[in-house]
C-alpha cells in the first residue's frame, strides 16, 4: 500500500510547531516593563531622632547619699558601783535632764565607808597642824612634818574615793536627752556590778547623719557645704536644711568609702528617732562650668569615641575626646562645641550622611 500525501507532510508540520511554540513564550516589550523602566529612584525618608543641645555646666549638681541618723550626742550609762537596785526612776523613751538620777543602788555600806574616811581625814589634818606647830617651836623634826603631810594626802584620797563610791550609788544621766535603750540590768532587786550597762541616752536637740561617698566625689565636698535631708519615716517627709560639719581625711579600710558628717537642728522633736534611715543631697563645690554630654550619645567605633550631630538635617559623625564621667554625663574635651546638636536616640542605626528629623529634648548642661 502506498503512503498518502498526508504522510509526506507530517515532518514539516512537527518542525513548524517546535519552532513557533517557543517563540510564543519569549518575553517581549510589554507595557509593564515600560512602566518599570520609566519610574525614577525612591526618595529616602528622614529618620526621626532625638537631639540635645550641648551646653556648659557642672559635672555634679548634687551628691546623693544615705545613712542612719543619731542624736548629736549619745551616752551609755554604766554602773560604777555594786549592790542591789533599790529604785528605778526612768522608762524607755522618757526625756531626762543632765544629772537626773535614773537608778539608786543600796548605799548603806558606801555611806559608812565615806563617814569613816571623813573621820580619818579630819584626824590627819589635826596631826599635820600639830606637827607644823611643833616645828615652829622646835619640838619636832622636819621629817615628822613630811610624814604628817603624806598621811594627810593619803586620807584625802581615801575620802574622795569613798565619797565617789557613795555618790555612784545614785546613777544619773550624764547628758540631757531621751532614753533610747533601757537595759535588763535596770530592774528592782537586780544586783549590779561595775561596768554593767543601765541605759543609753541620746540628745536629739540636734541631729547627726553620717554618710559614705566614693572617691569620685569626695573631692567635691567641703566642710560647711549645704545639704538637704529627708527622713521618710517621720515628720511627713519634711526636707531639712543641713550642713556638712566634717569630711574624712582618709577612706575606710573595709569599704574604701569616705565618711561625711551632716548636722542640722531638730525642729521636729521626738518624732525623729536615732537609727532612722535618711537620704541626703549635698551641694558640691562649684568649679568652672565645663562642656557636658550625655553618655547615651557616645558610640565606640574602631577604638574611637564618636557622636552624631545634626547639621542641617544630615547626620554627621564626629570623633570626640572625653574627660571625667559621672553617672549619665561626661566632660567633653574636644570634638564638638557649645550649641552643637548631638543625637542621643536611634544612633546605632545611623550612618554618615543619613537624612534625619531631630527633636530637641533639652540641654546637656542641665541633663540628668
Protein backbone atom coordinates (compact mmCIF):
# COMPACT_ATOMS: atom_id res chain seq x y z
CA UNK A 1 0.00 0.00 0.00
CA UNK A 2 1.36 3.42 -1.00
CA UNK A 3 1.51 6.13 1.57
CA UNK A 4 -0.95 9.01 1.19
CA UNK A 5 0.07 12.63 0.69
CA UNK A 6 -0.62 13.49 4.38
CA UNK A 7 2.15 11.16 5.47
CA UNK A 8 4.74 13.08 3.47
CA UNK A 9 3.77 16.44 5.11
CA UNK A 10 3.92 15.25 8.80
CA UNK A 11 7.66 16.03 9.41
CA UNK A 12 7.17 19.57 8.18
CA UNK A 13 4.24 20.17 10.50
CA UNK A 14 6.19 18.90 13.51
CA UNK A 15 9.11 21.19 12.66
CA UNK A 16 6.73 24.17 12.41
CA UNK A 17 5.20 23.51 15.81
CA UNK A 18 8.59 23.12 17.50
CA UNK A 19 9.68 26.46 16.07
CA UNK A 20 6.55 28.52 16.75
CA UNK A 21 5.73 27.40 20.31
CA UNK A 22 8.98 28.62 21.96
CA UNK A 23 8.63 31.97 20.24
CA UNK A 24 5.21 32.41 21.78
CA UNK A 25 6.70 32.22 25.31
CA UNK A 26 9.67 34.55 24.75
CA UNK A 27 9.44 37.85 26.81
CA UNK A 28 8.52 40.89 24.87
CA UNK A 29 8.41 44.66 25.46
CA UNK A 30 5.21 44.77 27.46
CA UNK A 31 3.57 47.87 28.94
CA UNK A 32 4.51 46.71 32.45
CA UNK A 33 8.21 46.64 31.63
CA UNK A 34 7.93 50.09 30.08
CA UNK A 35 6.37 51.41 33.28
CA UNK A 36 9.18 49.96 35.45
CA UNK A 37 11.88 51.47 33.33
CA UNK A 38 10.21 54.86 33.35
CA UNK A 39 9.98 55.06 37.21
CA UNK A 40 12.68 57.17 38.97
CA UNK A 41 14.59 56.21 42.23
CA UNK A 42 12.66 56.02 45.55
CA UNK A 43 13.34 59.12 47.78
CA UNK A 44 14.83 58.35 51.32
CA UNK A 45 12.65 59.47 54.24
CA UNK A 46 14.39 61.34 57.14
CA UNK A 47 14.98 59.21 60.24
CA UNK A 48 13.24 60.52 63.36
CA UNK A 49 15.76 61.02 66.20
CA UNK A 50 16.11 62.94 69.45
CA UNK A 51 18.87 65.50 69.98
CA UNK A 52 20.27 67.52 72.85
CA UNK A 53 21.90 70.93 72.67
CA UNK A 54 25.47 70.98 74.01
CA UNK A 55 25.92 73.50 76.83
CA UNK A 56 28.21 74.04 79.81
CA UNK A 57 27.51 73.11 83.39
CA UNK A 58 28.75 71.22 86.43
CA UNK A 59 29.52 67.53 86.08
CA UNK A 60 27.90 67.03 89.50
CA UNK A 61 24.94 69.16 90.55
CA UNK A 62 24.17 67.20 93.70
CA UNK A 63 25.80 64.32 95.56
CA UNK A 64 23.27 61.88 96.95
CA UNK A 65 23.96 59.52 99.83
CA UNK A 66 22.07 57.69 102.55
CA UNK A 67 22.67 56.65 106.14
CA UNK A 68 21.06 56.45 109.57
CA UNK A 69 20.54 59.38 111.90
CA UNK A 70 21.61 59.75 115.52
CA UNK A 71 21.42 62.39 118.19
CA UNK A 72 24.21 64.92 118.27
CA UNK A 73 25.42 63.21 121.44
CA UNK A 74 24.77 59.77 122.84
CA UNK A 75 25.84 58.48 126.23
CA UNK A 76 25.89 54.93 127.55
CA UNK A 77 25.00 54.95 131.26
CA UNK A 78 27.18 52.38 133.07
CA UNK A 79 27.28 51.32 136.70
CA UNK A 80 30.47 52.23 138.54
CA UNK A 81 29.43 50.58 141.77
CA UNK A 82 28.00 47.31 143.01
CA UNK A 83 24.92 46.49 145.00
CA UNK A 84 21.20 45.75 144.90
CA UNK A 85 18.97 48.01 142.81
CA UNK A 86 16.54 49.72 145.18
CA UNK A 87 14.85 52.25 142.93
CA UNK A 88 14.39 52.76 139.16
CA UNK A 89 13.29 56.25 138.09
CA UNK A 90 13.13 56.12 134.29
CA UNK A 91 11.36 54.43 131.39
CA UNK A 92 12.15 53.83 127.73
CA UNK A 93 11.61 56.96 125.62
CA UNK A 94 11.45 59.29 128.62
CA UNK A 95 13.02 62.73 128.40
CA UNK A 96 15.65 63.27 131.11
CA UNK A 97 17.84 66.16 132.25
CA UNK A 98 21.57 66.17 132.78
CA UNK A 99 22.30 64.89 136.30
CA UNK A 100 18.84 63.39 136.77
CA UNK A 101 19.03 60.22 138.90
CA UNK A 102 17.91 57.21 136.89
CA UNK A 103 18.58 54.42 139.38
CA UNK A 104 19.53 54.00 143.07
CA UNK A 105 21.63 51.18 144.48
CA UNK A 106 21.79 50.18 148.17
CA UNK A 107 24.22 52.74 149.61
CA UNK A 108 24.35 51.80 153.32
CA UNK A 109 27.85 50.36 153.29
CA UNK A 110 29.11 53.05 150.94
CA UNK A 111 27.82 55.72 153.31
CA UNK A 112 29.54 54.13 156.32
CA UNK A 113 32.80 53.91 154.40
CA UNK A 114 32.52 57.57 153.46
CA UNK A 115 31.91 58.60 157.09
CA UNK A 116 34.91 56.57 158.25
CA UNK A 117 37.09 58.13 155.58
CA UNK A 118 35.89 61.58 156.60
CA UNK A 119 36.91 60.93 160.23
CA UNK A 120 40.32 59.66 159.16
CA UNK A 121 40.78 62.76 157.05
CA UNK A 122 39.94 65.00 159.97
CA UNK A 123 42.45 63.19 162.20
CA UNK A 124 45.14 63.50 159.57
CA UNK A 125 44.55 67.25 159.30
CA UNK A 126 44.86 67.65 163.09
CA UNK A 127 48.11 65.64 163.13
CA UNK A 128 49.55 67.74 160.34
CA UNK A 129 48.65 71.03 162.03
CA UNK A 130 50.06 69.82 165.37
CA UNK A 131 53.32 68.75 163.77
CA UNK A 132 53.56 72.06 161.93
CA UNK A 133 53.19 73.95 165.22
CA UNK A 134 55.85 71.82 166.85
CA UNK A 135 58.25 72.55 164.02
CA UNK A 136 57.84 76.29 164.64
CA UNK A 137 58.64 75.77 168.36
CA UNK A 138 61.49 73.35 167.65
CA UNK A 139 59.69 70.42 169.21
CA UNK A 140 59.61 68.23 166.06
CA UNK A 141 61.92 67.29 163.25
CA UNK A 142 61.39 68.19 159.61
CA UNK A 143 60.89 64.54 158.75
CA UNK A 144 57.91 64.39 161.11
CA UNK A 145 56.23 67.16 159.16
CA UNK A 146 56.80 65.33 155.86
CA UNK A 147 55.34 62.17 157.34
CA UNK A 148 52.25 64.03 158.59
CA UNK A 149 51.77 65.71 155.20
CA UNK A 150 51.95 62.34 153.41
CA UNK A 151 49.37 60.86 155.80
CA UNK A 152 47.06 63.84 155.17
CA UNK A 153 47.25 63.43 151.41
CA UNK A 154 46.53 59.71 151.70
CA UNK A 155 43.49 60.43 153.88
CA UNK A 156 42.22 62.99 151.36
CA UNK A 157 42.50 60.45 148.54
CA UNK A 158 40.67 57.77 150.54
CA UNK A 159 37.89 60.17 151.43
CA UNK A 160 37.41 61.26 147.81
CA UNK A 161 37.29 57.63 146.73
CA UNK A 162 34.77 56.72 149.46
CA UNK A 163 32.63 59.75 148.63
CA UNK A 164 32.60 58.88 144.93
CA UNK A 165 31.57 55.30 145.73
CA UNK A 166 28.70 56.68 147.80
CA UNK A 167 27.59 59.10 145.07
CA UNK A 168 27.86 56.37 142.44
CA UNK A 169 25.05 54.54 144.19
CA UNK A 170 22.75 57.14 142.63
CA UNK A 171 23.29 56.56 138.88
CA UNK A 172 22.49 59.75 136.95
CA UNK A 173 22.23 60.70 133.29
CA UNK A 174 25.42 62.40 132.07
CA UNK A 175 23.55 64.38 129.38
CA UNK A 176 20.08 65.73 128.67
CA UNK A 177 18.07 63.78 126.11
CA UNK A 178 15.78 60.81 125.65
CA UNK A 179 16.13 57.24 126.85
CA UNK A 180 16.96 55.32 123.68
CA UNK A 181 17.56 51.98 125.42
CA UNK A 182 16.84 50.51 128.85
CA UNK A 183 18.94 47.50 129.76
CA UNK A 184 17.60 44.44 131.64
CA UNK A 185 20.05 45.16 134.46
CA UNK A 186 17.99 48.23 135.37
CA UNK A 187 15.42 46.25 137.36
CA UNK A 188 14.38 46.35 141.02
CA UNK A 189 16.22 43.78 143.11
CA UNK A 190 18.85 43.14 140.46
CA UNK A 191 22.49 43.03 141.60
CA UNK A 192 24.71 45.47 139.75
CA UNK A 193 28.42 45.08 139.22
CA UNK A 194 30.84 47.75 137.99
CA UNK A 195 30.74 48.07 134.21
CA UNK A 196 27.14 46.86 133.72
CA UNK A 197 25.09 48.92 131.22
CA UNK A 198 21.98 50.65 132.56
CA UNK A 199 20.66 52.77 129.69
CA UNK A 200 21.53 54.72 126.56
CA UNK A 201 20.61 58.40 126.39
CA UNK A 202 20.53 60.34 123.12
CA UNK A 203 20.45 64.12 122.73
CA UNK A 204 18.02 64.87 119.88
CA UNK A 205 18.20 68.65 120.07
CA UNK A 206 20.46 68.44 117.02
CA UNK A 207 20.65 65.54 114.56
CA UNK A 208 23.74 63.95 113.09
CA UNK A 209 23.88 61.91 109.88
CA UNK A 210 26.94 60.03 108.70
CA UNK A 211 27.07 59.03 105.02
CA UNK A 212 29.70 57.26 102.92
CA UNK A 213 30.66 58.52 99.45
CA UNK A 214 33.10 57.30 96.82
CA UNK A 215 36.45 58.69 95.77
CA UNK A 216 34.94 60.11 92.58
CA UNK A 217 33.02 62.80 94.50
CA UNK A 218 34.75 63.19 97.88
CA UNK A 219 36.99 65.92 96.45
CA UNK A 220 33.89 67.96 95.62
CA UNK A 221 32.58 68.01 99.21
CA UNK A 222 33.78 70.73 101.56
CA UNK A 223 33.14 71.38 105.23
CA UNK A 224 30.29 73.88 105.53
CA UNK A 225 28.63 72.79 102.27
CA UNK A 226 24.82 72.98 102.33
CA UNK A 227 22.79 69.79 102.23
CA UNK A 228 19.18 68.70 102.32
CA UNK A 229 17.99 65.68 104.27
CA UNK A 230 14.76 63.72 104.01
CA UNK A 231 13.60 61.12 106.55
CA UNK A 232 10.76 59.13 105.06
CA UNK A 233 9.64 57.56 108.34
CA UNK A 234 8.99 60.78 110.25
CA UNK A 235 7.89 64.41 110.03
CA UNK A 236 5.81 63.82 106.88
CA UNK A 237 8.97 63.56 104.78
CA UNK A 238 9.92 67.13 105.57
CA UNK A 239 13.10 68.38 103.89
CA UNK A 240 15.61 69.55 106.50
CA UNK A 241 18.20 72.20 105.66
CA UNK A 242 21.51 70.82 106.91
CA UNK A 243 25.23 71.43 106.68
CA UNK A 244 28.35 69.32 106.23
CA UNK A 245 30.30 69.56 109.50
CA UNK A 246 33.14 67.10 108.85
CA UNK A 247 34.81 65.34 105.90
CA UNK A 248 37.06 62.33 106.44
CA UNK A 249 40.71 62.76 105.54
CA UNK A 250 41.00 59.08 104.53
CA UNK A 251 38.91 56.18 103.35
CA UNK A 252 37.59 53.27 105.35
CA UNK A 253 39.96 50.28 105.11
CA UNK A 254 36.93 47.97 104.96
CA UNK A 255 34.82 49.66 102.27
CA UNK A 256 37.13 52.17 100.60
CA UNK A 257 34.48 54.86 101.01
CA UNK A 258 34.84 58.25 102.70
CA UNK A 259 32.80 59.38 105.68
CA UNK A 260 30.92 62.69 105.59
CA UNK A 261 29.08 64.09 108.64
CA UNK A 262 25.95 66.21 108.21
CA UNK A 263 24.14 68.02 111.03
CA UNK A 264 21.01 70.12 111.49
CA UNK A 265 18.76 71.49 114.22
CA UNK A 266 15.87 69.22 115.15
CA UNK A 267 12.67 71.21 114.78
CA UNK A 268 10.64 68.02 114.58
CA UNK A 269 11.06 66.97 118.22
CA UNK A 270 11.00 63.38 119.49
CA UNK A 271 9.36 62.15 116.28
CA UNK A 272 12.90 61.75 114.99
CA UNK A 273 14.42 58.58 116.40
CA UNK A 274 18.03 57.57 116.49
CA UNK A 275 18.62 54.87 113.86
CA UNK A 276 16.08 56.08 111.29
CA UNK A 277 17.12 55.96 107.63
CA UNK A 278 17.74 59.26 105.87
CA UNK A 279 18.54 60.46 102.35
CA UNK A 280 20.93 63.38 101.91
CA UNK A 281 21.57 65.61 98.92
CA UNK A 282 24.85 67.54 99.23
CA UNK A 283 25.69 70.59 97.13
CA UNK A 284 29.24 70.12 95.79
CA UNK A 285 31.88 72.80 95.48
CA UNK A 286 31.41 74.78 92.25
CA UNK A 287 34.21 74.96 89.71
CA UNK A 288 34.35 76.49 86.24
CA UNK A 289 31.48 75.26 84.02
CA UNK A 290 32.59 72.57 81.58
CA UNK A 291 31.22 71.27 78.28
CA UNK A 292 28.97 68.29 79.02
CA UNK A 293 27.44 65.48 77.01
CA UNK A 294 25.10 62.61 77.91
CA UNK A 295 26.92 59.29 77.81
CA UNK A 296 23.93 57.93 75.84
CA UNK A 297 25.22 59.91 72.84
CA UNK A 298 28.61 58.16 72.77
CA UNK A 299 29.45 55.32 70.39
CA UNK A 300 32.59 53.22 70.22
CA UNK A 301 33.81 52.70 66.67
CA UNK A 302 37.19 51.23 65.76
CA UNK A 303 38.65 52.16 69.13
CA UNK A 304 37.38 55.74 68.95
CA UNK A 305 34.64 57.65 70.78
CA UNK A 306 32.24 59.21 68.27
CA UNK A 307 28.94 61.06 68.25
CA UNK A 308 26.43 62.01 65.59
CA UNK A 309 25.49 65.66 65.20
CA UNK A 310 22.61 67.22 63.32
CA UNK A 311 23.95 69.55 60.65
CA UNK A 312 21.07 70.98 58.63
CA UNK A 313 19.11 67.75 58.76
CA UNK A 314 22.06 65.48 57.98
CA UNK A 315 23.76 63.07 60.39
CA UNK A 316 27.47 63.87 60.69
CA UNK A 317 29.83 61.62 62.64
CA UNK A 318 32.46 63.32 64.82
CA UNK A 319 35.25 61.90 66.92
CA UNK A 320 35.30 63.27 70.48
CA UNK A 321 37.69 63.21 73.43
CA UNK A 322 36.04 62.53 76.78
CA UNK A 323 37.31 63.54 80.22
CA UNK A 324 35.70 62.74 83.57
CA UNK A 325 32.49 60.77 83.69
CA UNK A 326 29.87 60.52 86.39
CA UNK A 327 26.55 58.77 86.09
CA UNK A 328 24.93 59.58 82.75
CA UNK A 329 27.11 62.58 81.90
CA UNK A 330 30.66 63.14 80.73
CA UNK A 331 33.05 66.03 80.18
CA UNK A 332 33.87 66.84 76.54
CA UNK A 333 37.47 67.89 75.92
CA UNK A 334 37.36 68.17 72.13
CA UNK A 335 35.38 67.23 69.03
CA UNK A 336 32.19 69.24 69.50
CA UNK A 337 31.38 72.81 70.51
CA UNK A 338 28.79 74.61 72.56
CA UNK A 339 25.35 74.83 70.89
CA UNK A 340 26.02 71.78 68.68
CA UNK A 341 23.06 69.40 68.36
CA UNK A 342 24.12 65.88 69.35
CA UNK A 343 21.84 62.90 68.71
CA UNK A 344 21.01 60.63 71.62
CA UNK A 345 18.44 58.21 70.17
CA UNK A 346 18.50 55.89 67.17
CA UNK A 347 22.23 56.45 66.77
CA UNK A 348 23.21 52.77 66.38
CA UNK A 349 21.40 52.57 63.02
CA UNK A 350 22.77 55.83 61.63
CA UNK A 351 25.46 56.28 59.01
CA UNK A 352 27.33 59.33 57.83
CA UNK A 353 25.11 61.49 55.62
CA UNK A 354 21.76 59.99 56.62
CA UNK A 355 18.83 62.38 56.48
CA UNK A 356 17.40 62.98 59.94
CA UNK A 357 14.48 64.76 61.57
CA UNK A 358 15.62 65.84 65.06
CA UNK A 359 13.54 66.71 68.09
CA UNK A 360 15.48 68.76 70.66
CA UNK A 361 14.65 67.46 74.14
CA UNK A 362 16.95 69.51 76.37
CA UNK A 363 20.38 70.91 77.13
CA UNK A 364 23.38 68.87 78.22
CA UNK A 365 24.40 71.30 80.99
CA UNK A 366 21.24 70.51 82.96
CA UNK A 367 20.78 66.93 81.77
CA UNK A 368 20.45 64.25 84.43
